[in-house]
Protein backbone atom coordinates (compact mmCIF):
# COMPACT_ATOMS: atom_id res chain seq x y z
CA MET A 1 28.02 112.76 71.59
CA THR A 2 27.47 109.13 72.60
CA ILE A 3 25.02 108.10 75.29
CA ALA A 4 27.96 107.01 77.49
CA THR A 5 29.69 110.38 77.07
CA GLN A 6 26.49 112.26 77.89
CA ALA A 7 25.97 110.13 80.98
CA SER A 8 29.54 110.79 82.12
CA GLU A 9 29.07 114.56 81.76
CA ASP A 10 25.75 114.42 83.63
CA VAL A 11 27.43 112.60 86.54
CA ARG A 12 30.29 115.10 86.62
CA GLN A 13 27.93 118.06 86.66
CA SER A 14 25.80 116.41 89.32
CA ASN A 15 28.90 115.84 91.48
CA VAL A 16 29.90 119.49 91.19
CA LEU A 17 26.50 120.61 92.43
CA LEU A 18 26.47 118.04 95.24
CA ASP A 19 29.89 119.23 96.38
CA TYR A 20 28.71 122.82 96.12
CA ARG A 21 25.66 122.17 98.28
CA HIS A 22 27.70 120.27 100.87
CA VAL A 23 30.39 122.95 101.24
CA ARG A 24 27.94 125.86 101.31
CA GLN A 25 25.80 124.21 103.99
CA ALA A 26 28.89 123.38 106.04
CA SER A 27 29.81 127.08 106.24
CA GLU A 28 26.44 128.02 107.67
CA SER A 29 26.54 125.14 110.16
CA LEU A 30 29.68 126.68 111.69
CA ILE A 31 27.66 129.62 113.04
CA SER A 32 24.81 127.52 114.44
CA ASN A 33 25.97 128.24 118.02
CA LEU A 34 26.85 131.89 117.36
CA SER A 35 24.67 134.95 117.78
CA ALA A 36 24.49 137.85 115.36
CA GLU A 37 26.69 139.79 117.81
CA ASP A 38 29.26 136.96 117.83
CA CYS A 39 29.37 136.99 114.03
CA ALA A 40 30.21 140.70 113.94
CA LEU A 41 33.30 140.59 116.19
CA GLN A 42 36.75 141.60 114.92
CA ALA A 43 39.28 141.84 117.74
CA ALA A 44 42.29 142.71 115.55
CA ASP A 45 42.97 143.77 111.98
CA PHE A 46 44.41 140.35 111.05
CA VAL A 47 41.13 138.51 111.75
CA SER A 48 37.70 139.02 110.21
CA PRO A 49 34.12 138.74 111.49
CA ALA A 50 32.37 135.43 110.84
CA LYS A 51 29.69 137.37 108.95
CA TRP A 52 32.32 138.73 106.58
CA HIS A 53 33.64 135.23 105.78
CA LEU A 54 30.12 134.09 104.90
CA ALA A 55 29.64 137.06 102.59
CA HIS A 56 33.09 137.02 100.97
CA THR A 57 32.83 133.39 99.92
CA SER A 58 29.54 134.23 98.19
CA TRP A 59 31.17 137.28 96.61
CA PHE A 60 33.74 134.92 95.06
CA PHE A 61 31.09 132.85 93.25
CA GLU A 62 29.15 135.94 92.23
CA THR A 63 32.19 137.85 90.95
CA PHE A 64 34.16 135.16 89.15
CA ILE A 65 31.32 132.94 87.92
CA LEU A 66 27.82 134.41 87.92
CA LEU A 67 28.65 137.90 86.67
CA GLN A 68 30.80 136.34 83.95
CA ALA A 69 28.67 133.37 82.90
CA LEU A 70 25.17 134.84 83.15
CA PRO A 71 24.62 138.07 81.17
CA ASP A 72 21.21 138.50 82.80
CA TYR A 73 22.35 137.76 86.36
CA GLU A 74 21.00 140.30 88.82
CA ALA A 75 23.38 141.00 91.68
CA PHE A 76 21.87 140.83 95.15
CA ASP A 77 23.39 144.22 95.98
CA SER A 78 25.96 145.88 93.71
CA ARG A 79 27.56 147.59 96.73
CA PHE A 80 28.68 144.19 98.02
CA GLN A 81 31.27 144.16 95.23
CA VAL A 82 33.29 146.62 97.33
CA LEU A 83 32.29 145.53 100.84
CA PHE A 84 33.28 141.88 100.42
CA ASN A 85 36.24 142.08 98.02
CA SER A 86 39.21 140.90 100.05
CA TYR A 87 42.35 141.78 98.06
CA TYR A 88 41.55 141.45 94.36
CA ASN A 89 42.84 144.71 92.94
CA GLY A 90 42.00 143.58 89.44
CA VAL A 91 38.31 143.48 90.38
CA GLY A 92 38.14 146.92 91.96
CA GLU A 93 37.99 148.78 95.24
CA GLN A 94 37.96 147.03 98.62
CA PHE A 95 36.57 148.10 101.97
CA SER A 96 39.27 148.58 104.62
CA ARG A 97 40.14 145.25 106.24
CA PRO A 98 40.74 146.64 109.77
CA LYS A 99 37.25 148.20 109.69
CA ARG A 100 35.22 145.12 108.81
CA HIS A 101 33.77 145.09 112.33
CA LEU A 102 32.03 148.39 111.50
CA LEU A 103 29.78 146.72 108.93
CA SER A 104 26.75 146.31 111.16
CA ARG A 105 24.83 146.57 107.91
CA PRO A 106 24.20 144.35 106.05
CA SER A 107 22.82 142.32 108.93
CA LEU A 108 23.60 138.64 109.41
CA ASP A 109 20.16 137.80 108.02
CA GLU A 110 20.90 139.86 104.91
CA VAL A 111 24.24 138.11 104.46
CA LEU A 112 22.51 134.73 104.67
CA ALA A 113 19.93 135.93 102.14
CA TYR A 114 22.82 136.97 99.90
CA ARG A 115 24.30 133.49 100.16
CA HIS A 116 20.99 131.87 99.23
CA HIS A 117 20.56 134.26 96.30
CA VAL A 118 23.97 133.21 94.95
CA ASP A 119 23.22 129.54 95.60
CA GLN A 120 20.00 129.61 93.62
CA ALA A 121 21.80 131.25 90.71
CA ILE A 122 24.49 128.55 90.72
CA TYR A 123 21.84 125.81 90.82
CA SER A 124 20.11 127.41 87.83
CA LEU A 125 23.18 127.31 85.58
CA GLN A 126 22.59 125.56 82.31
CA ALA A 127 24.53 122.35 81.71
CA SER A 128 26.81 124.03 79.19
CA ASP A 129 27.57 126.92 81.57
CA LEU A 130 28.08 124.52 84.46
CA ASP A 131 30.56 122.48 82.45
CA GLN A 132 32.42 125.60 81.35
CA GLN A 133 32.59 126.98 84.89
CA ALA A 134 33.31 123.68 86.67
CA SER A 135 37.00 124.41 87.38
CA LEU A 136 36.21 127.84 88.83
CA ILE A 137 33.42 126.37 90.95
CA ARG A 138 35.89 123.81 92.31
CA LEU A 139 38.34 126.59 93.10
CA GLY A 140 35.54 128.51 94.82
CA LEU A 141 34.64 125.50 96.95
CA HIS A 142 38.21 124.96 98.11
CA HIS A 143 38.46 128.71 98.70
CA GLU A 144 35.35 128.45 100.90
CA GLN A 145 36.83 125.53 102.81
CA GLN A 146 39.85 127.70 103.56
CA HIS A 147 37.50 130.33 104.93
CA GLN A 148 35.65 127.77 107.04
CA GLU A 149 38.92 127.12 108.83
CA LEU A 150 39.69 130.84 109.06
CA LEU A 151 36.20 131.58 110.41
CA LEU A 152 36.83 129.22 113.32
CA MET A 153 40.36 130.50 114.00
CA ASP A 154 39.21 134.12 113.83
CA THR A 155 36.21 133.51 116.09
CA LYS A 156 38.48 131.75 118.57
CA TYR A 157 40.74 134.80 118.69
CA ASN A 158 37.74 137.09 119.09
CA PHE A 159 36.28 135.01 121.94
CA PHE A 160 39.65 134.87 123.71
CA GLN A 161 39.36 138.61 124.39
CA ASN A 162 36.24 137.91 126.46
CA PRO A 163 37.11 137.30 130.17
CA LEU A 164 34.26 134.76 130.28
CA TYR A 165 36.27 132.57 127.88
CA PRO A 166 33.10 131.31 126.18
CA ALA A 167 32.96 127.99 124.35
CA ILE A 168 32.14 127.95 120.66
CA CYS A 169 31.25 124.31 120.13
CA SER A 170 30.58 121.04 121.94
CA SER A 171 33.41 119.01 123.40
CA ASP A 172 33.48 116.40 120.64
CA GLU A 173 33.81 118.85 117.75
CA PHE A 174 37.21 119.84 116.33
CA SER A 175 39.07 117.90 119.01
CA TYR A 176 42.28 115.90 118.77
CA ALA A 177 44.05 113.34 120.92
CA ALA A 178 47.01 113.71 123.23
CA SER A 179 50.46 112.40 122.26
CA LEU A 180 51.22 109.47 124.53
CA GLU A 181 54.03 107.92 122.49
CA GLU A 182 57.64 108.78 123.18
CA MET A 183 59.22 111.10 120.66
CA ALA A 184 61.51 109.32 118.21
CA PHE A 185 63.07 110.26 114.90
CA VAL A 186 62.21 108.46 111.68
CA SER A 187 64.90 108.30 109.00
CA PHE A 188 64.24 109.07 105.33
CA SER A 189 66.63 108.53 102.48
CA GLY A 190 67.66 111.49 100.40
CA GLY A 191 68.39 111.75 96.71
CA LEU A 192 66.52 113.26 93.79
CA LYS A 193 62.87 113.64 94.79
CA THR A 194 59.79 114.84 92.93
CA ILE A 195 57.45 117.15 94.81
CA GLY A 196 54.47 119.32 93.94
CA ALA A 197 51.10 118.56 92.36
CA ASN A 198 50.04 117.56 88.89
CA GLU A 199 47.10 119.83 88.08
CA GLN A 200 45.86 117.31 85.52
CA ASP A 201 45.11 114.72 88.22
CA GLU A 202 43.05 116.07 91.12
CA PHE A 203 42.33 119.54 92.46
CA CYS A 204 45.26 121.60 93.67
CA PHE A 205 45.98 125.29 94.09
CA ASP A 206 48.29 126.87 91.55
CA ASN A 207 51.04 127.40 94.12
CA GLU A 208 51.42 123.61 94.42
CA THR A 209 52.50 123.37 90.79
CA PRO A 210 54.39 122.40 88.78
CA LEU A 211 55.80 119.00 89.62
CA HIS A 212 59.55 119.39 89.90
CA SER A 213 62.66 117.64 91.13
CA CYS A 214 64.82 118.62 94.08
CA TYR A 215 67.78 117.00 95.77
CA LEU A 216 67.60 116.15 99.48
CA PRO A 217 70.30 114.77 101.76
CA ASP A 218 69.24 112.00 104.15
CA PHE A 219 67.13 113.43 106.96
CA GLN A 220 65.02 112.57 109.99
CA LEU A 221 61.62 113.85 111.18
CA SER A 222 60.08 113.43 114.61
CA ASN A 223 57.36 110.79 114.69
CA ARG A 224 54.91 113.20 116.35
CA LEU A 225 54.43 116.87 117.16
CA VAL A 226 55.99 118.67 120.13
CA THR A 227 53.68 118.66 123.16
CA ASN A 228 52.56 121.31 125.65
CA GLY A 229 54.67 119.71 128.36
CA GLU A 230 57.79 119.71 126.21
CA TYR A 231 57.25 123.34 125.25
CA LEU A 232 56.63 124.29 128.89
CA LYS A 233 60.07 122.94 129.73
CA PHE A 234 61.54 125.27 127.08
CA ILE A 235 59.80 128.18 128.83
CA GLN A 236 60.87 127.11 132.33
CA GLU A 237 64.49 126.75 131.23
CA GLY A 238 64.58 130.35 129.97
CA GLY A 239 64.08 129.74 126.27
CA TYR A 240 62.49 133.16 125.78
CA ASN A 241 65.43 134.87 127.45
CA GLU A 242 68.29 133.31 125.50
CA PRO A 243 69.02 135.24 122.27
CA SER A 244 71.13 132.46 120.77
CA PHE A 245 67.99 130.41 120.12
CA TRP A 246 66.19 133.19 118.25
CA LEU A 247 66.31 134.62 114.77
CA SER A 248 67.15 138.31 114.77
CA ASP A 249 63.64 139.43 113.77
CA GLY A 250 62.05 137.23 116.41
CA TRP A 251 64.34 138.49 119.15
CA SER A 252 63.72 142.07 118.04
CA ALA A 253 59.97 141.52 118.30
CA LEU A 254 60.37 140.28 121.87
CA GLN A 255 62.49 143.28 122.82
CA GLN A 256 60.13 145.71 121.11
CA ASP A 257 57.31 144.52 123.33
CA LEU A 258 59.49 145.29 126.33
CA THR A 259 60.44 148.81 125.22
CA GLN A 260 56.82 149.66 124.37
CA GLN A 261 55.69 148.31 127.75
CA LYS A 262 53.38 145.82 126.10
CA PRO A 263 52.60 142.55 127.87
CA LEU A 264 55.45 140.28 126.86
CA LEU A 265 53.91 137.19 125.35
CA GLN A 266 56.25 134.36 126.31
CA THR A 267 53.86 131.46 125.86
CA PRO A 268 51.78 130.03 123.04
CA LEU A 269 48.91 132.38 122.31
CA TYR A 270 46.08 130.70 124.20
CA TRP A 271 47.85 129.72 127.40
CA VAL A 272 46.48 131.27 130.59
CA GLN A 273 48.00 130.95 134.07
CA GLN A 274 45.58 131.15 137.01
CA GLN A 275 46.56 130.56 140.63
CA GLY A 276 49.74 128.80 139.59
CA ARG A 277 48.02 126.43 137.15
CA TRP A 278 48.18 126.47 133.37
CA PHE A 279 45.01 126.49 131.31
CA GLU A 280 44.49 126.50 127.55
CA PHE A 281 41.72 128.26 125.65
CA SER A 282 40.18 126.40 122.74
CA LEU A 283 36.88 126.26 120.89
CA HIS A 284 35.61 124.38 123.96
CA GLY A 285 36.41 127.22 126.35
CA LEU A 286 39.12 127.42 129.01
CA THR A 287 40.28 123.98 130.16
CA PRO A 288 43.27 122.70 132.18
CA MET A 289 46.31 122.40 129.95
CA ASP A 290 47.07 118.80 129.03
CA PRO A 291 50.87 118.38 128.91
CA ASN A 292 50.51 115.52 126.42
CA ARG A 293 48.50 117.43 123.83
CA PRO A 294 50.43 118.92 120.90
CA VAL A 295 51.38 122.53 121.44
CA CYS A 296 49.43 124.92 119.20
CA HIS A 297 49.47 128.58 118.20
CA LEU A 298 53.20 129.14 117.94
CA SER A 299 54.74 131.76 115.69
CA PHE A 300 57.47 130.69 113.27
CA TYR A 301 59.94 132.53 115.51
CA GLU A 302 58.88 130.43 118.52
CA ALA A 303 58.94 127.18 116.56
CA HIS A 304 62.43 127.96 115.27
CA ALA A 305 63.68 128.92 118.75
CA TYR A 306 62.34 125.72 120.29
CA ALA A 307 63.98 123.62 117.60
CA GLN A 308 67.32 125.32 118.28
CA TRP A 309 66.93 124.76 122.01
CA ALA A 310 66.15 121.08 121.36
CA GLY A 311 69.27 120.65 119.21
CA CYS A 312 67.18 120.18 116.09
CA ARG A 313 65.76 122.28 113.26
CA LEU A 314 62.52 122.74 111.38
CA PRO A 315 61.95 120.52 108.33
CA SER A 316 62.04 121.95 104.83
CA GLU A 317 58.75 121.72 102.99
CA ALA A 318 60.29 119.22 100.56
CA GLU A 319 61.33 116.97 103.45
CA TRP A 320 57.86 117.17 104.94
CA GLU A 321 56.19 116.29 101.63
CA VAL A 322 58.51 113.35 100.96
CA ALA A 323 57.75 111.99 104.43
CA ALA A 324 54.01 112.48 103.92
CA ILE A 325 54.03 110.71 100.55
CA GLN A 326 55.94 107.74 101.95
CA ASN A 327 53.25 107.63 104.66
CA SER A 328 55.37 105.71 107.10
CA ASP A 329 53.39 103.93 109.81
CA SER A 330 55.84 105.47 112.25
CA MET A 331 54.63 109.02 111.51
CA SER A 332 51.56 110.46 113.25
CA GLN A 333 49.69 113.78 113.43
CA MET A 334 50.68 114.75 109.91
CA PHE A 335 47.34 116.20 108.79
CA ASP A 336 44.75 116.40 111.56
CA VAL A 337 46.14 118.37 114.51
CA CYS A 338 48.19 121.47 113.69
CA TRP A 339 49.66 123.11 110.64
CA GLN A 340 53.41 122.60 110.90
CA TRP A 341 55.97 125.33 110.33
CA THR A 342 58.77 124.57 107.90
CA GLN A 343 62.04 126.41 107.36
CA SER A 344 61.03 127.12 103.74
CA ALA A 345 60.18 130.61 102.56
CA TYR A 346 56.98 130.89 100.55
CA ALA A 347 58.25 131.28 97.00
CA PRO A 348 57.24 130.03 93.54
CA TYR A 349 58.29 126.59 92.41
CA PRO A 350 60.52 126.43 89.32
CA GLY A 351 58.32 127.03 86.29
CA PHE A 352 55.39 128.47 88.27
CA LYS A 353 53.18 130.85 86.28
CA VAL A 354 50.49 133.10 87.68
CA ALA A 355 47.05 132.51 86.16
CA ASN A 356 45.62 135.15 83.85
CA GLY A 357 43.08 137.66 85.15
CA ALA A 358 42.11 138.72 88.65
CA VAL A 359 41.90 135.12 89.88
CA GLY A 360 45.68 135.03 89.42
CA GLU A 361 45.91 137.20 92.53
CA TYR A 362 44.79 134.22 94.65
CA ASN A 363 48.28 133.02 95.63
CA GLY A 364 51.08 134.38 93.48
CA LYS A 365 51.24 137.94 94.78
CA PHE A 366 51.79 136.73 98.36
CA MET A 367 55.06 134.94 97.60
CA CYS A 368 57.16 137.28 99.72
CA ASN A 369 58.05 137.53 103.43
CA GLN A 370 55.99 134.51 104.50
CA MET A 371 56.85 130.98 105.56
CA VAL A 372 55.36 127.68 104.39
CA LEU A 373 53.34 125.41 106.66
CA ARG A 374 52.41 121.86 105.79
CA GLY A 375 49.78 119.32 106.81
CA GLY A 376 46.45 120.53 108.14
CA CYS A 377 44.78 121.04 111.50
CA ALA A 378 41.79 119.91 113.52
CA LEU A 379 39.75 122.72 111.97
CA THR A 380 40.57 121.85 108.36
CA PRO A 381 37.52 120.44 106.50
CA LYS A 382 37.70 116.76 105.67
CA GLY A 383 39.05 116.09 102.20
CA HIS A 384 40.76 119.46 101.98
CA VAL A 385 44.29 118.27 102.84
CA ARG A 386 46.90 116.54 100.68
CA PRO A 387 50.69 116.08 100.85
CA SER A 388 51.39 118.86 98.33
CA TYR A 389 49.24 121.53 100.06
CA ARG A 390 51.23 124.72 100.77
CA ASN A 391 49.80 126.95 103.48
CA PHE A 392 51.62 130.18 104.34
CA PHE A 393 51.63 132.79 107.10
CA TYR A 394 53.84 135.60 108.33
CA PRO A 395 56.58 134.55 110.79
CA LYS A 396 55.02 136.49 113.69
CA ASP A 397 51.54 134.96 113.34
CA GLN A 398 50.26 132.97 116.31
CA TRP A 399 46.50 133.07 115.76
CA PRO A 400 46.44 130.28 113.11
CA MET A 401 46.42 126.73 114.48
CA THR A 402 50.15 126.22 114.07
CA GLY A 403 52.36 123.60 115.70
CA LEU A 404 55.81 122.12 115.51
CA ARG A 405 57.51 118.99 114.16
CA LEU A 406 61.27 118.61 114.56
CA ALA A 407 63.85 117.61 111.96
CA LYS A 408 67.48 116.51 112.07
CA ASP A 409 70.28 116.07 109.61
CA VAL A 410 71.70 112.57 109.33
């Protein structure tokens, strides 16, 4: 090995550890304003306690790297292999997701000690082990960044159940600007387009691969996201009461709430009406609704219904990616406000192959009954977004930070 080659490897290994330290510290900073009681909340089975997110991300490094790379590694607590396994059937048993709020033990302090135990073991990896495990460490870091976003979205949902509507963070954190420009539609030429990610270049998840060609007709995308005020007009004009705007499953969900005498949710998730005024709950507490801010926390069904009402449609994920790559100066709010629903079902790209082993369960087994979202949101860690990123949720989900961009055929 030449001196130059050795130096290059040393820099690469150093960068991996610097990134590791940065991401791991960022997770713990997210709970700096939360109490131990806050970190144990789980208001519904589709969210998780903040404490669980902190533990699970450490479980990932311990399970897929330390227990494999270090024969003498001593687990912090072998029982955590079950408690903090999310959905990896190939690894073993998992604790029931809807019951994560019952895990008062281990305490928050013990979970933080677990994280630091894992961190020290990662920092102690020999250069050869670090080089061999570098790709898995990168995957673990991007996995943790996903959970940083989920921790905030889950905590927001948990706090929304509190009639005090408590704030989670200061007013300048995780904020985004209002949309003051008039909505217009930007035209994009169709033809044979290449989308997806090349895993040989920079980091990407396996579901973004392989690069492949698809044919698109000419299309248009709105230059910005739909706003609160525009969505309020849809509500006021009876959009939730007109079945022609709704997909069958979405309309059925609305009617099921009626027959079961549940409160019929006919607004975005975090809208609250008090004394004739609309307010919106966010990480900053309950504040007057700004009609010019992009509307957030819509289900796919709501986004689709609004698009129909507006005489438009949702973009396909290929259209969205082509527009993002072209990076037109006329397009705004692509990555930093809300994840944007597309009309594309979450399915494998042509030629996609699931990775070997339990880590192959990361994305591939969820390619059914979910819809693709593109972009990013105000809670997404910096550097974690890219044009090829494929997020995915169930059509009924409102709790993620999801918004709406319109599309039109030419």
